[in-house]
PDB file of N, CA and C in Angstrom:
ATOM      1  N   MET A   1     -31.935  39.605  29.474  1.00  0.00           N
ATOM      2  CA  MET A   1     -30.965  39.858  28.435  1.00  0.00           C
ATOM      3  C   MET A   1     -29.590  39.322  28.822  1.00  0.00           C
ATOM      4  N   LYS A   2     -29.271  39.342  30.105  1.00  0.00           N
ATOM      5  CA  LYS A   2     -27.971  38.867  30.554  1.00  0.00           C
ATOM      6  C   LYS A   2     -27.818  37.373  30.325  1.00  0.00           C
ATOM      7  N   LYS A   3     -28.873  36.591  30.447  1.00  0.00           N
ATOM      8  CA  LYS A   3     -28.799  35.148  30.254  1.00  0.00           C
ATOM      9  C   LYS A   3     -28.476  34.793  28.812  1.00  0.00           C
ATOM     10  N   ILE A   4     -29.045  35.473  27.877  1.00  0.00           N
ATOM     11  CA  ILE A   4     -28.760  35.216  26.465  1.00  0.00           C
ATOM     12  C   ILE A   4     -27.305  35.550  26.153  1.00  0.00           C
ATOM     13  N   TYR A   5     -26.817  36.646  26.661  1.00  0.00           N
ATOM     14  CA  TYR A   5     -25.434  37.038  26.444  1.00  0.00           C
ATOM     15  C   TYR A   5     -24.470  36.021  27.059  1.00  0.00           C
ATOM     16  N   PHE A   6     -24.800  35.524  28.241  1.00  0.00           N
ATOM     17  CA  PHE A   6     -23.972  34.548  28.933  1.00  0.00           C
ATOM     18  C   PHE A   6     -23.929  33.217  28.162  1.00  0.00           C
ATOM     19  N   VAL A   7     -25.039  32.737  27.638  1.00  0.00           N
ATOM     20  CA  VAL A   7     -25.111  31.505  26.854  1.00  0.00           C
ATOM     21  C   VAL A   7     -24.295  31.646  25.583  1.00  0.00           C
ATOM     22  N   PHE A   8     -24.350  32.792  24.945  1.00  0.00           N
ATOM     23  CA  PHE A   8     -23.590  33.029  23.721  1.00  0.00           C
ATOM     24  C   PHE A   8     -22.094  32.917  23.987  1.00  0.00           C
ATOM     25  N   LEU A   9     -21.623  33.462  25.088  1.00  0.00           N
ATOM     26  CA  LEU A   9     -20.207  33.387  25.403  1.00  0.00           C
ATOM     27  C   LEU A   9     -19.781  31.960  25.736  1.00  0.00           C
ATOM     28  N   MET A  10     -20.651  31.187  26.336  1.00  0.00           N
ATOM     29  CA  MET A  10     -20.329  29.808  26.672  1.00  0.00           C
ATOM     30  C   MET A  10     -20.308  28.923  25.428  1.00  0.00           C
ATOM     31  N   ALA A  11     -21.125  29.196  24.451  1.00  0.00           N
ATOM     32  CA  ALA A  11     -21.205  28.376  23.240  1.00  0.00           C
ATOM     33  C   ALA A  11     -20.059  28.671  22.284  1.00  0.00           C
ATOM     34  N   LEU A  12     -19.537  29.863  22.293  1.00  0.00           N
ATOM     35  CA  LEU A  12     -18.480  30.246  21.365  1.00  0.00           C
ATOM     36  C   LEU A  12     -17.215  29.404  21.528  1.00  0.00           C
ATOM     37  N   PRO A  13     -16.709  29.170  22.742  1.00  0.00           N
ATOM     38  CA  PRO A  13     -15.518  28.331  22.865  1.00  0.00           C
ATOM     39  C   PRO A  13     -15.750  26.892  22.408  1.00  0.00           C
ATOM     40  N   LEU A  14     -16.949  26.373  22.571  1.00  0.00           N
ATOM     41  CA  LEU A  14     -17.242  25.014  22.118  1.00  0.00           C
ATOM     42  C   LEU A  14     -17.188  24.908  20.607  1.00  0.00           C
ATOM     43  N   LEU A  15     -17.651  25.913  19.923  1.00  0.00           N
ATOM     44  CA  LEU A  15     -17.632  25.887  18.464  1.00  0.00           C
ATOM     45  C   LEU A  15     -16.221  25.999  17.912  1.00  0.00           C
ATOM     46  N   THR A  16     -15.399  26.833  18.487  1.00  0.00           N
ATOM     47  CA  THR A  16     -14.042  26.985  17.990  1.00  0.00           C
ATOM     48  C   THR A  16     -13.161  25.797  18.372  1.00  0.00           C
ATOM     49  N   TYR A  17     -13.465  25.142  19.488  1.00  0.00           N
ATOM     50  CA  TYR A  17     -12.678  23.989  19.923  1.00  0.00           C
ATOM     51  C   TYR A  17     -12.827  22.825  18.946  1.00  0.00           C
ATOM     52  N   GLY A  18     -13.982  22.664  18.337  1.00  0.00           N
ATOM     53  CA  GLY A  18     -14.233  21.553  17.421  1.00  0.00           C
ATOM     54  C   GLY A  18     -13.562  21.713  16.074  1.00  0.00           C
ATOM     55  N   GLN A  19     -12.881  22.801  15.822  1.00  0.00           N
ATOM     56  CA  GLN A  19     -12.281  23.034  14.519  1.00  0.00           C
ATOM     57  C   GLN A  19     -10.765  22.873  14.521  1.00  0.00           C
ATOM     58  N   GLU A  20     -10.218  22.170  15.500  1.00  0.00           N
ATOM     59  CA  GLU A  20      -8.781  21.954  15.526  1.00  0.00           C
ATOM     60  C   GLU A  20      -8.371  21.004  14.412  1.00  0.00           C
ATOM     61  N   LEU A  21      -7.223  21.222  13.845  1.00  0.00           N
ATOM     62  CA  LEU A  21      -6.734  20.368  12.772  1.00  0.00           C
ATOM     63  C   LEU A  21      -6.025  19.147  13.332  1.00  0.00           C
ATOM     64  N   VAL A  22      -6.219  18.041  12.677  1.00  0.00           N
ATOM     65  CA  VAL A  22      -5.562  16.800  13.069  1.00  0.00           C
ATOM     66  C   VAL A  22      -4.591  16.438  11.959  1.00  0.00           C
ATOM     67  N   SER A  23      -3.343  16.191  12.310  1.00  0.00           N
ATOM     68  CA  SER A  23      -2.369  15.818  11.290  1.00  0.00           C
ATOM     69  C   SER A  23      -2.399  14.314  11.077  1.00  0.00           C
ATOM     70  N   VAL A  24      -2.175  13.909   9.842  1.00  0.00           N
ATOM     71  CA  VAL A  24      -2.116  12.499   9.487  1.00  0.00           C
ATOM     72  C   VAL A  24      -0.801  12.236   8.772  1.00  0.00           C
ATOM     73  N   ASN A  25      -0.485  10.968   8.627  1.00  0.00           N
ATOM     74  CA  ASN A  25       0.734  10.598   7.931  1.00  0.00           C
ATOM     75  C   ASN A  25       0.628  11.036   6.478  1.00  0.00           C
ATOM     76  N   THR A  26       1.520  11.906   6.043  1.00  0.00           N
ATOM     77  CA  THR A  26       1.445  12.438   4.687  1.00  0.00           C
ATOM     78  C   THR A  26       2.599  11.953   3.818  1.00  0.00           C
ATOM     79  N   GLU A  27       3.152  10.784   4.157  1.00  0.00           N
ATOM     80  CA  GLU A  27       4.202  10.235   3.303  1.00  0.00           C
ATOM     81  C   GLU A  27       3.619   9.874   1.952  1.00  0.00           C
ATOM     82  N   PRO A  28       4.357  10.100   0.871  1.00  0.00           N
ATOM     83  CA  PRO A  28       3.825   9.737  -0.436  1.00  0.00           C
ATOM     84  C   PRO A  28       3.670   8.217  -0.557  1.00  0.00           C
ATOM     85  N   VAL A  29       2.556   7.805  -1.134  1.00  0.00           N
ATOM     86  CA  VAL A  29       2.287   6.387  -1.307  1.00  0.00           C
ATOM     87  C   VAL A  29       3.099   5.873  -2.489  1.00  0.00           C
ATOM     88  N   GLN A  30       3.862   4.810  -2.252  1.00  0.00           N
ATOM     89  CA  GLN A  30       4.651   4.227  -3.319  1.00  0.00           C
ATOM     90  C   GLN A  30       3.943   2.971  -3.792  1.00  0.00           C
ATOM     91  N   GLU A  31       3.378   3.043  -4.981  1.00  0.00           N
ATOM     92  CA  GLU A  31       2.659   1.911  -5.526  1.00  0.00           C
ATOM     93  C   GLU A  31       3.566   1.121  -6.450  1.00  0.00           C
ATOM     94  N   LEU A  32       3.179  -0.119  -6.669  1.00  0.00           N
ATOM     95  CA  LEU A  32       3.933  -0.990  -7.563  1.00  0.00           C
ATOM     96  C   LEU A  32       3.691  -0.585  -9.009  1.00  0.00           C
ATOM     97  N   LYS A  33       4.753  -0.332  -9.730  1.00  0.00           N
ATOM     98  CA  LYS A  33       4.612   0.060 -11.130  1.00  0.00           C
ATOM     99  C   LYS A  33       4.289  -1.163 -11.982  1.00  0.00           C
ATOM    100  N   GLY A  34       3.410  -0.966 -12.940  1.00  0.00           N
ATOM    101  CA  GLY A  34       3.052  -2.034 -13.860  1.00  0.00           C
ATOM    102  C   GLY A  34       2.226  -3.141 -13.237  1.00  0.00           C
ATOM    103  N   PHE A  35       1.547  -2.847 -12.123  1.00  0.00           N
ATOM    104  CA  PHE A  35       0.765  -3.861 -11.420  1.00  0.00           C
ATOM    105  C   PHE A  35      -0.433  -4.291 -12.250  1.00  0.00           C
ATOM    106  N   LYS A  36      -0.576  -5.623 -12.421  1.00  0.00           N
ATOM    107  CA  LYS A  36      -1.738  -6.196 -13.097  1.00  0.00           C
ATOM    108  C   LYS A  36      -2.148  -7.462 -12.363  1.00  0.00           C
ATOM    109  N   MET A  37      -3.457  -7.650 -12.196  1.00  0.00           N
ATOM    110  CA  MET A  37      -3.998  -8.846 -11.588  1.00  0.00           C
ATOM    111  C   MET A  37      -5.145  -9.326 -12.464  1.00  0.00           C
ATOM    112  N   TYR A  38      -5.053 -10.562 -12.902  1.00  0.00           N
ATOM    113  CA  TYR A  38      -6.092 -11.104 -13.783  1.00  0.00           C
ATOM    114  C   TYR A  38      -6.170 -12.608 -13.619  1.00  0.00           C
ATOM    115  N   PRO A  39      -7.285 -13.250 -13.894  1.00  0.00           N
ATOM    116  CA  PRO A  39      -8.591 -12.647 -14.194  1.00  0.00           C
ATOM    117  C   PRO A  39      -9.253 -12.156 -12.915  1.00  0.00           C
ATOM    118  N   ASN A  40     -10.069 -11.163 -13.047  1.00  0.00           N
ATOM    119  CA  ASN A  40     -10.827 -10.634 -11.924  1.00  0.00           C
ATOM    120  C   ASN A  40     -12.174 -10.170 -12.440  1.00  0.00           C
ATOM    121  N   PRO A  41     -13.238 -10.877 -12.202  1.00  0.00           N
ATOM    122  CA  PRO A  41     -13.419 -11.942 -11.243  1.00  0.00           C
ATOM    123  C   PRO A  41     -12.747 -13.243 -11.681  1.00  0.00           C
ATOM    124  N   ALA A  42     -12.297 -14.008 -10.700  1.00  0.00           N
ATOM    125  CA  ALA A  42     -11.598 -15.270 -10.950  1.00  0.00           C
ATOM    126  C   ALA A  42     -12.593 -16.423 -10.909  1.00  0.00           C
ATOM    127  N   TYR A  43     -12.499 -17.298 -11.896  1.00  0.00           N
ATOM    128  CA  TYR A  43     -13.380 -18.466 -11.960  1.00  0.00           C
ATOM    129  C   TYR A  43     -12.639 -19.763 -11.662  1.00  0.00           C
ATOM    130  N   GLY A  44     -11.329 -19.764 -11.804  1.00  0.00           N
ATOM    131  CA  GLY A  44     -10.549 -20.973 -11.585  1.00  0.00           C
ATOM    132  C   GLY A  44      -9.830 -20.970 -10.259  1.00  0.00           C
ATOM    133  N   ASP A  45      -8.685 -21.699 -10.235  1.00  0.00           N
ATOM    134  CA  ASP A  45      -7.909 -21.848  -9.003  1.00  0.00           C
ATOM    135  C   ASP A  45      -6.680 -20.958  -8.959  1.00  0.00           C
ATOM    136  N   GLU A  46      -6.484 -20.108  -9.970  1.00  0.00           N
ATOM    137  CA  GLU A  46      -5.283 -19.276 -10.021  1.00  0.00           C
ATOM    138  C   GLU A  46      -5.614 -17.847 -10.420  1.00  0.00           C
ATOM    139  N   VAL A  47      -4.817 -16.935  -9.867  1.00  0.00           N
ATOM    140  CA  VAL A  47      -4.845 -15.529 -10.259  1.00  0.00           C
ATOM    141  C   VAL A  47      -3.420 -15.162 -10.614  1.00  0.00           C
ATOM    142  N   TYR A  48      -3.255 -14.402 -11.669  1.00  0.00           N
ATOM    143  CA  TYR A  48      -1.926 -13.993 -12.129  1.00  0.00           C
ATOM    144  C   TYR A  48      -1.675 -12.551 -11.707  1.00  0.00           C
ATOM    145  N   ILE A  49      -0.527 -12.346 -11.077  1.00  0.00           N
ATOM    146  CA  ILE A  49      -0.143 -11.023 -10.583  1.00  0.00           C
ATOM    147  C   ILE A  49       1.204 -10.670 -11.185  1.00  0.00           C
ATOM    148  N   THR A  50       1.231  -9.586 -11.947  1.00  0.00           N
ATOM    149  CA  THR A  50       2.483  -9.153 -12.559  1.00  0.00           C
ATOM    150  C   THR A  50       2.783  -7.712 -12.167  1.00  0.00           C
ATOM    151  N   THR A  51       4.061  -7.400 -12.132  1.00  0.00           N
ATOM    152  CA  THR A  51       4.527  -6.042 -11.893  1.00  0.00           C
ATOM    153  C   THR A  51       5.652  -5.755 -12.869  1.00  0.00           C
ATOM    154  N   GLU A  52       6.114  -4.531 -12.850  1.00  0.00           N
ATOM    155  CA  GLU A  52       7.188  -4.145 -13.753  1.00  0.00           C
ATOM    156  C   GLU A  52       8.479  -4.923 -13.471  1.00  0.00           C
ATOM    157  N   SER A  53       8.805  -5.126 -12.195  1.00  0.00           N
ATOM    158  CA  SER A  53      10.050  -5.817 -11.852  1.00  0.00           C
ATOM    159  C   SER A  53       9.867  -7.324 -11.699  1.00  0.00           C
ATOM    160  N   ASN A  54       8.626  -7.803 -11.475  1.00  0.00           N
ATOM    161  CA  ASN A  54       8.318  -9.225 -11.295  1.00  0.00           C
ATOM    162  C   ASN A  54       9.240  -9.924 -10.298  1.00  0.00           C
ATOM    163  N   GLY A  55       9.445  -9.290  -9.148  1.00  0.00           N
ATOM    164  CA  GLY A  55      10.255  -9.883  -8.086  1.00  0.00           C
ATOM    165  C   GLY A  55       9.406 -10.749  -7.171  1.00  0.00           C
ATOM    166  N   THR A  56       9.991 -11.149  -6.052  1.00  0.00           N
ATOM    167  CA  THR A  56       9.271 -11.940  -5.055  1.00  0.00           C
ATOM    168  C   THR A  56       8.206 -11.077  -4.399  1.00  0.00           C
ATOM    169  N   LYS A  57       7.000 -11.610  -4.296  1.00  0.00           N
ATOM    170  CA  LYS A  57       5.870 -10.854  -3.772  1.00  0.00           C
ATOM    171  C   LYS A  57       5.327 -11.512  -2.508  1.00  0.00           C
ATOM    172  N   GLN A  58       5.033 -10.691  -1.505  1.00  0.00           N
ATOM    173  CA  GLN A  58       4.330 -11.133  -0.312  1.00  0.00           C
ATOM    174  C   GLN A  58       2.851 -10.863  -0.553  1.00  0.00           C
ATOM    175  N   ILE A  59       2.013 -11.887  -0.389  1.00  0.00           N
ATOM    176  CA  ILE A  59       0.588 -11.755  -0.658  1.00  0.00           C
ATOM    177  C   ILE A  59      -0.196 -11.977   0.634  1.00  0.00           C
ATOM    178  N   LYS A  60      -1.159 -11.108   0.885  1.00  0.00           N
ATOM    179  CA  LYS A  60      -2.128 -11.298   1.958  1.00  0.00           C
ATOM    180  C   LYS A  60      -3.508 -11.090   1.359  1.00  0.00           C
ATOM    181  N   VAL A  61      -4.416 -12.007   1.679  1.00  0.00           N
ATOM    182  CA  VAL A  61      -5.791 -11.897   1.217  1.00  0.00           C
ATOM    183  C   VAL A  61      -6.684 -11.772   2.449  1.00  0.00           C
ATOM    184  N   TYR A  62      -7.530 -10.736   2.464  1.00  0.00           N
ATOM    185  CA  TYR A  62      -8.434 -10.461   3.577  1.00  0.00           C
ATOM    186  C   TYR A  62      -9.874 -10.718   3.146  1.00  0.00           C
ATOM    187  N   ASP A  63     -10.681 -11.227   4.070  1.00  0.00           N
ATOM    188  CA  ASP A  63     -12.100 -11.382   3.778  1.00  0.00           C
ATOM    189  C   ASP A  63     -12.824 -10.078   4.116  1.00  0.00           C
ATOM    190  N   VAL A  64     -14.155 -10.073   3.984  1.00  0.00           N
ATOM    191  CA  VAL A  64     -14.916  -8.847   4.207  1.00  0.00           C
ATOM    192  C   VAL A  64     -14.930  -8.409   5.671  1.00  0.00           C
ATOM    193  N   PHE A  65     -14.525  -9.289   6.566  1.00  0.00           N
ATOM    194  CA  PHE A  65     -14.455  -8.945   7.981  1.00  0.00           C
ATOM    195  C   PHE A  65     -13.071  -8.426   8.379  1.00  0.00           C
ATOM    196  N   GLY A  66     -12.140  -8.370   7.422  1.00  0.00           N
ATOM    197  CA  GLY A  66     -10.799  -7.879   7.702  1.00  0.00           C
ATOM    198  C   GLY A  66      -9.848  -8.921   8.234  1.00  0.00           C
ATOM    199  N   GLU A  67     -10.253 -10.173   8.218  1.00  0.00           N
ATOM    200  CA  GLU A  67      -9.388 -11.242   8.709  1.00  0.00           C
ATOM    201  C   GLU A  67      -8.542 -11.791   7.563  1.00  0.00           C
ATOM    202  N   VAL A  68      -7.285 -12.103   7.852  1.00  0.00           N
ATOM    203  CA  VAL A  68      -6.399 -12.679   6.841  1.00  0.00           C
ATOM    204  C   VAL A  68      -6.814 -14.129   6.613  1.00  0.00           C
ATOM    205  N   VAL A  69      -7.164 -14.456   5.362  1.00  0.00           N
ATOM    206  CA  VAL A  69      -7.592 -15.809   5.031  1.00  0.00           C
ATOM    207  C   VAL A  69      -6.554 -16.551   4.196  1.00  0.00           C
ATOM    208  N   LEU A  70      -5.568 -15.816   3.667  1.00  0.00           N
ATOM    209  CA  LEU A  70      -4.517 -16.451   2.875  1.00  0.00           C
ATOM    210  C   LEU A  70      -3.275 -15.584   2.903  1.00  0.00           C
ATOM    211  N   THR A  71      -2.139 -16.192   3.188  1.00  0.00           N
ATOM    212  CA  THR A  71      -0.845 -15.518   3.061  1.00  0.00           C
ATOM    213  C   THR A  71       0.036 -16.404   2.204  1.00  0.00           C
ATOM    214  N   ASP A  72       0.836 -15.780   1.376  1.00  0.00           N
ATOM    215  CA  ASP A  72       1.694 -16.540   0.480  1.00  0.00           C
ATOM    216  C   ASP A  72       2.856 -15.666   0.037  1.00  0.00           C
ATOM    217  N   ARG A  73       3.911 -16.303  -0.358  1.00  0.00           N
ATOM    218  CA  ARG A  73       5.065 -15.636  -0.962  1.00  0.00           C
ATOM    219  C   ARG A  73       5.261 -16.298  -2.314  1.00  0.00           C
ATOM    220  N   ILE A  74       5.182 -15.507  -3.371  1.00  0.00           N
ATOM    221  CA  ILE A  74       5.315 -16.080  -4.711  1.00  0.00           C
ATOM    222  C   ILE A  74       6.518 -15.467  -5.420  1.00  0.00           C
ATOM    223  N   THR A  75       7.214 -16.314  -6.154  1.00  0.00           N
ATOM    224  CA  THR A  75       8.349 -15.860  -6.958  1.00  0.00           C
ATOM    225  C   THR A  75       7.982 -15.822  -8.438  1.00  0.00           C
ATOM    226  N   THR A  76       6.881 -16.484  -8.793  1.00  0.00           N
ATOM    227  CA  THR A  76       6.368 -16.413 -10.157  1.00  0.00           C
ATOM    228  C   THR A  76       5.203 -15.430 -10.160  1.00  0.00           C
ATOM    229  N   ASN A  77       4.418 -15.442 -11.198  1.00  0.00           N
ATOM    230  CA  ASN A  77       3.272 -14.536 -11.244  1.00  0.00           C
ATOM    231  C   ASN A  77       1.948 -15.241 -10.931  1.00  0.00           C
ATOM    232  N   THR A  78       1.991 -16.475 -10.408  1.00  0.00           N
ATOM    233  CA  THR A  78       0.789 -17.268 -10.183  1.00  0.00           C
ATOM    234  C   THR A  78       0.484 -17.412  -8.691  1.00  0.00           C
ATOM    235  N   LEU A  79      -0.744 -17.052  -8.307  1.00  0.00           N
ATOM    236  CA  LEU A  79      -1.209 -17.206  -6.935  1.00  0.00           C
ATOM    237  C   LEU A  79      -2.298 -18.266  -6.911  1.00  0.00           C
ATOM    238  N   ASP A  80      -2.132 -19.283  -6.059  1.00  0.00           N
ATOM    239  CA  ASP A  80      -3.106 -20.361  -5.910  1.00  0.00           C
ATOM    240  C   ASP A  80      -4.217 -19.903  -4.968  1.00  0.00           C
ATOM    241  N   ILE A  81      -5.435 -19.817  -5.488  1.00  0.00           N
ATOM    242  CA  ILE A  81      -6.577 -19.381  -4.679  1.00  0.00           C
ATOM    243  C   ILE A  81      -7.591 -20.508  -4.504  1.00  0.00           C
ATOM    244  N   SER A  82      -7.171 -21.756  -4.708  1.00  0.00           N
ATOM    245  CA  SER A  82      -8.097 -22.890  -4.659  1.00  0.00           C
ATOM    246  C   SER A  82      -8.713 -23.087  -3.278  1.00  0.00           C
ATOM    247  N   ARG A  83      -8.074 -22.604  -2.215  1.00  0.00           N
ATOM    248  CA  ARG A  83      -8.599 -22.765  -0.853  1.00  0.00           C
ATOM    249  C   ARG A  83      -9.661 -21.723  -0.497  1.00  0.00           C
ATOM    250  N   LEU A  84      -9.848 -20.719  -1.344  1.00  0.00           N
ATOM    251  CA  LEU A  84     -10.796 -19.654  -1.046  1.00  0.00           C
ATOM    252  C   LEU A  84     -12.178 -19.981  -1.608  1.00  0.00           C
ATOM    253  N   VAL A  85     -13.206 -19.694  -0.822  1.00  0.00           N
ATOM    254  CA  VAL A  85     -14.580 -19.899  -1.278  1.00  0.00           C
ATOM    255  C   VAL A  85     -15.008 -18.680  -2.091  1.00  0.00           C
ATOM    256  N   PRO A  86     -16.004 -18.834  -2.957  1.00  0.00           N
ATOM    257  CA  PRO A  86     -16.470 -17.675  -3.733  1.00  0.00           C
ATOM    258  C   PRO A  86     -16.875 -16.521  -2.832  1.00  0.00           C
ATOM    259  N   GLY A  87     -16.506 -15.315  -3.244  1.00  0.00           N
ATOM    260  CA  GLY A  87     -16.819 -14.124  -2.462  1.00  0.00           C
ATOM    261  C   GLY A  87     -15.950 -12.955  -2.870  1.00  0.00           C
ATOM    262  N   VAL A  88     -16.004 -11.902  -2.080  1.00  0.00           N
ATOM    263  CA  VAL A  88     -15.229 -10.677  -2.329  1.00  0.00           C
ATOM    264  C   VAL A  88     -14.120 -10.604  -1.297  1.00  0.00           C
ATOM    265  N   TYR A  89     -12.912 -10.325  -1.765  1.00  0.00           N
ATOM    266  CA  TYR A  89     -11.728 -10.273  -0.912  1.00  0.00           C
ATOM    267  C   TYR A  89     -10.930  -9.007  -1.213  1.00  0.00           C
ATOM    268  N   VAL A  90     -10.010  -8.698  -0.328  1.00  0.00           N
ATOM    269  CA  VAL A  90      -9.045  -7.621  -0.553  1.00  0.00           C
ATOM    270  C   VAL A  90      -7.673  -8.276  -0.648  1.00  0.00           C
ATOM    271  N   LEU A  91      -6.992  -8.034  -1.753  1.00  0.00           N
ATOM    272  CA  LEU A  91      -5.678  -8.610  -2.011  1.00  0.00           C
ATOM    273  C   LEU A  91      -4.623  -7.537  -1.788  1.00  0.00           C
ATOM    274  N   GLN A  92      -3.636  -7.839  -0.942  1.00  0.00           N
ATOM    275  CA  GLN A  92      -2.547  -6.904  -0.663  1.00  0.00           C
ATOM    276  C   GLN A  92      -1.245  -7.537  -1.150  1.00  0.00           C
ATOM    277  N   VAL A  93      -0.580  -6.853  -2.062  1.00  0.00           N
ATOM    278  CA  VAL A  93       0.672  -7.345  -2.634  1.00  0.00           C
ATOM    279  C   VAL A  93       1.791  -6.408  -2.220  1.00  0.00           C
ATOM    280  N   THR A  94       2.862  -6.968  -1.635  1.00  0.00           N
ATOM    281  CA  THR A  94       4.021  -6.180  -1.245  1.00  0.00           C
ATOM    282  C   THR A  94       5.241  -6.718  -1.970  1.00  0.00           C
ATOM    283  N   GLU A  95       5.954  -5.812  -2.636  1.00  0.00           N
ATOM    284  CA  GLU A  95       7.163  -6.172  -3.373  1.00  0.00           C
ATOM    285  C   GLU A  95       8.144  -5.008  -3.262  1.00  0.00           C
ATOM    286  N   GLU A  96       9.348  -5.302  -2.796  1.00  0.00           N
ATOM    287  CA  GLU A  96      10.398  -4.284  -2.655  1.00  0.00           C
ATOM    288  C   GLU A  96       9.921  -3.082  -1.830  1.00  0.00           C
ATOM    289  N   LYS A  97       9.276  -3.348  -0.690  1.00  0.00           N
ATOM    290  CA  LYS A  97       8.777  -2.338   0.244  1.00  0.00           C
ATOM    291  C   LYS A  97       7.711  -1.433  -0.347  1.00  0.00           C
ATOM    292  N   LYS A  98       7.088  -1.843  -1.428  1.00  0.00           N
ATOM    293  CA  LYS A  98       5.976  -1.106  -2.029  1.00  0.00           C
ATOM    294  C   LYS A  98       4.749  -2.013  -1.976  1.00  0.00           C
ATOM    295  N   THR A  99       3.616  -1.406  -1.693  1.00  0.00           N
ATOM    296  CA  THR A  99       2.398  -2.187  -1.484  1.00  0.00           C
ATOM    297  C   THR A  99       1.295  -1.704  -2.403  1.00  0.00           C
ATOM    298  N   MET A 100       0.500  -2.675  -2.869  1.00  0.00           N
ATOM    299  CA  MET A 100      -0.660  -2.390  -3.703  1.00  0.00           C
ATOM    300  C   MET A 100      -1.826  -3.190  -3.135  1.00  0.00           C
ATOM    301  N   THR A 101      -2.979  -2.577  -3.051  1.00  0.00           N
ATOM    302  CA  THR A 101      -4.172  -3.230  -2.529  1.00  0.00           C
ATOM    303  C   THR A 101      -5.272  -3.142  -3.576  1.00  0.00           C
ATOM    304  N   ARG A 102      -5.896  -4.298  -3.856  1.00  0.00           N
ATOM    305  CA  ARG A 102      -6.963  -4.348  -4.847  1.00  0.00           C
ATOM    306  C   ARG A 102      -8.072  -5.298  -4.384  1.00  0.00           C
ATOM    307  N   LYS A 103      -9.259  -5.074  -4.918  1.00  0.00           N
ATOM    308  CA  LYS A 103     -10.385  -5.954  -4.641  1.00  0.00           C
ATOM    309  C   LYS A 103     -10.274  -7.176  -5.557  1.00  0.00           C
ATOM    310  N   LEU A 104     -10.533  -8.350  -5.001  1.00  0.00           N
ATOM    311  CA  LEU A 104     -10.517  -9.604  -5.749  1.00  0.00           C
ATOM    312  C   LEU A 104     -11.867 -10.280  -5.571  1.00  0.00           C
ATOM    313  N   VAL A 105     -12.501 -10.628  -6.686  1.00  0.00           N
ATOM    314  CA  VAL A 105     -13.780 -11.329  -6.655  1.00  0.00           C
ATOM    315  C   VAL A 105     -13.552 -12.752  -7.152  1.00  0.00           C
ATOM    316  N   ILE A 106     -14.023 -13.720  -6.373  1.00  0.00           N
ATOM    317  CA  ILE A 106     -13.915 -15.135  -6.759  1.00  0.00           C
ATOM    318  C   ILE A 106     -15.328 -15.651  -6.959  1.00  0.00           C
ATOM    319  N   LYS A 107     -15.561 -16.203  -8.143  1.00  0.00           N
ATOM    320  CA  LYS A 107     -16.902 -16.734  -8.476  1.00  0.00           C
ATOM    321  C   LYS A 107     -16.904 -18.234  -8.418  1.00  0.00           C
TER     322      LYS A 107
END
């Protein structure tokens, strides 16, 4: 009977130790207002990106492996994607310290 009681006491601290809370960054996410990206899926060599303020945008395009395959800075609403092969990408747009991330499909 003593062995069962001893095992129970040893297991209890392990169970409570695994329930510690981990804090994460809880800053509010500031998204770009009026964000639109079209066409998606894209069939041509251009994608149009508009926002409410339509300022200068920093663009990063990532492939499915997380590698940056295209970086650009645009002052208009047109992004040249002619260098990208058909596939699925992640498009990250930053304007006025606000960032928006969307999936981009190129056919």
